[in-house]
Amino acid sequence: MNVAASVPVIDLTAQNLVSSALSKFRAGDTVSTRAALDAIRRMNPACVDSDDDLVELIVMAAIGKTMAVVFDHRKQ
């Protein structure tokens, strides 16, 4: 049996924000990373998590709820 050397720490506040942002969607819906990030930033402007960290949480949560994800958050 292998034991992980370190376990990543996930901010529960960020998880709650992501869960709240995705609560408006249902299984099979498509989630825009830009819209989800905008919703999270509006809910908690003081959130210090980076966009990349939040997108990772969005993707994990959305896939777990059988939602599709559109990666449209990056500026060109």
C-alpha atoms as a PDB file:
ATOM      1  CA  MET A   1       0.000   0.000   0.000  1.00  0.00           C
ATOM      2  CA  ASN A   2       1.377   3.389  -0.976  1.00  0.00           C
ATOM      3  CA  VAL A   3       0.810   6.416   1.194  1.00  0.00           C
ATOM      4  CA  ALA A   4       0.695   9.883  -0.345  1.00  0.00           C
ATOM      5  CA  ALA A   5       3.615  12.036   0.741  1.00  0.00           C
ATOM      6  CA  SER A   6       1.413  15.104   0.944  1.00  0.00           C
ATOM      7  CA  VAL A   7      -2.224  15.820   0.482  1.00  0.00           C
ATOM      8  CA  PRO A   8      -3.171  19.036  -1.330  1.00  0.00           C
ATOM      9  CA  VAL A   9      -5.053  21.477   0.859  1.00  0.00           C
ATOM     10  CA  ILE A  10      -8.242  22.775  -0.705  1.00  0.00           C
ATOM     11  CA  ASP A  11      -9.844  25.933   0.632  1.00  0.00           C
ATOM     12  CA  LEU A  12     -13.339  24.961   1.765  1.00  0.00           C
ATOM     13  CA  THR A  13     -14.559  28.471   1.076  1.00  0.00           C
ATOM     14  CA  ALA A  14     -13.524  28.127  -2.568  1.00  0.00           C
ATOM     15  CA  GLN A  15     -15.285  24.769  -2.778  1.00  0.00           C
ATOM     16  CA  ASN A  16     -18.444  26.317  -1.368  1.00  0.00           C
ATOM     17  CA  LEU A  17     -18.243  29.173  -3.870  1.00  0.00           C
ATOM     18  CA  VAL A  18     -17.823  26.734  -6.764  1.00  0.00           C
ATOM     19  CA  SER A  19     -20.686  24.592  -5.503  1.00  0.00           C
ATOM     20  CA  SER A  20     -22.906  27.647  -5.267  1.00  0.00           C
ATOM     21  CA  ALA A  21     -21.937  28.828  -8.771  1.00  0.00           C
ATOM     22  CA  LEU A  22     -22.712  25.389 -10.224  1.00  0.00           C
ATOM     23  CA  SER A  23     -25.975  24.983  -8.310  1.00  0.00           C
ATOM     24  CA  LYS A  24     -27.827  26.725 -11.145  1.00  0.00           C
ATOM     25  CA  PHE A  25     -26.855  23.948 -13.580  1.00  0.00           C
ATOM     26  CA  ARG A  26     -28.193  20.420 -13.964  1.00  0.00           C
ATOM     27  CA  ALA A  27     -26.656  17.174 -15.143  1.00  0.00           C
ATOM     28  CA  GLY A  28     -25.967  17.377 -18.869  1.00  0.00           C
ATOM     29  CA  ASP A  29     -25.688  21.175 -18.905  1.00  0.00           C
ATOM     30  CA  THR A  30     -22.627  22.965 -20.248  1.00  0.00           C
ATOM     31  CA  VAL A  31     -20.716  25.160 -17.802  1.00  0.00           C
ATOM     32  CA  SER A  32     -18.684  28.153 -19.001  1.00  0.00           C
ATOM     33  CA  THR A  33     -15.521  28.657 -16.958  1.00  0.00           C
ATOM     34  CA  ARG A  34     -15.758  32.405 -17.616  1.00  0.00           C
ATOM     35  CA  ALA A  35     -19.341  32.602 -16.319  1.00  0.00           C
ATOM     36  CA  ALA A  36     -18.521  30.448 -13.291  1.00  0.00           C
ATOM     37  CA  LEU A  37     -15.445  32.545 -12.441  1.00  0.00           C
ATOM     38  CA  ASP A  38     -17.443  35.761 -12.826  1.00  0.00           C
ATOM     39  CA  ALA A  39     -20.150  34.392 -10.501  1.00  0.00           C
ATOM     40  CA  ILE A  40     -17.558  33.344  -7.914  1.00  0.00           C
ATOM     41  CA  ARG A  41     -15.829  36.737  -8.016  1.00  0.00           C
ATOM     42  CA  ARG A  42     -19.202  38.510  -7.612  1.00  0.00           C
ATOM     43  CA  MET A  43     -20.175  36.288  -4.660  1.00  0.00           C
ATOM     44  CA  ASN A  44     -16.858  36.839  -2.893  1.00  0.00           C
ATOM     45  CA  PRO A  45     -14.659  39.627  -4.276  1.00  0.00           C
ATOM     46  CA  ALA A  46     -12.138  38.916  -1.495  1.00  0.00           C
ATOM     47  CA  CYS A  47     -11.491  35.359  -2.734  1.00  0.00           C
ATOM     48  CA  VAL A  48      -7.706  35.020  -3.015  1.00  0.00           C
ATOM     49  CA  ASP A  49      -7.679  31.803  -5.045  1.00  0.00           C
ATOM     50  CA  SER A  50      -6.243  32.149  -8.543  1.00  0.00           C
ATOM     51  CA  ASP A  51      -8.412  31.674 -11.616  1.00  0.00           C
ATOM     52  CA  ASP A  52      -6.472  28.500 -12.437  1.00  0.00           C
ATOM     53  CA  ASP A  53      -7.155  27.031  -8.978  1.00  0.00           C
ATOM     54  CA  LEU A  54     -10.830  27.905  -9.228  1.00  0.00           C
ATOM     55  CA  VAL A  55     -11.100  26.462 -12.739  1.00  0.00           C
ATOM     56  CA  GLU A  56      -9.631  23.215 -11.445  1.00  0.00           C
ATOM     57  CA  LEU A  57     -12.317  23.090  -8.751  1.00  0.00           C
ATOM     58  CA  ILE A  58     -15.010  24.006 -11.293  1.00  0.00           C
ATOM     59  CA  VAL A  59     -13.933  21.203 -13.615  1.00  0.00           C
ATOM     60  CA  MET A  60     -13.778  18.608 -10.841  1.00  0.00           C
ATOM     61  CA  ALA A  61     -17.203  19.580  -9.513  1.00  0.00           C
ATOM     62  CA  ALA A  62     -18.826  19.846 -12.948  1.00  0.00           C
ATOM     63  CA  ILE A  63     -17.511  16.497 -14.140  1.00  0.00           C
ATOM     64  CA  GLY A  64     -18.645  14.908 -10.892  1.00  0.00           C
ATOM     65  CA  LYS A  65     -22.150  16.167 -11.661  1.00  0.00           C
ATOM     66  CA  THR A  66     -21.937  14.982 -15.309  1.00  0.00           C
ATOM     67  CA  MET A  67     -21.778  18.485 -16.743  1.00  0.00           C
ATOM     68  CA  ALA A  68     -19.755  19.552 -19.766  1.00  0.00           C
ATOM     69  CA  VAL A  69     -17.163  22.323 -19.372  1.00  0.00           C
ATOM     70  CA  VAL A  70     -16.290  25.063 -21.847  1.00  0.00           C
ATOM     71  CA  PHE A  71     -12.859  26.578 -21.233  1.00  0.00           C
ATOM     72  CA  ASP A  72     -13.526  30.159 -22.269  1.00  0.00           C
ATOM     73  CA  HIS A  73     -11.979  32.073 -19.354  1.00  0.00           C
ATOM     74  CA  ARG A  74      -8.580  32.972 -20.779  1.00  0.00           C
ATOM     75  CA  LYS A  75      -7.913  36.351 -22.331  1.00  0.00           C
ATOM     76  CA  GLN A  76      -6.342  36.238 -25.749  1.00  0.00           C
END
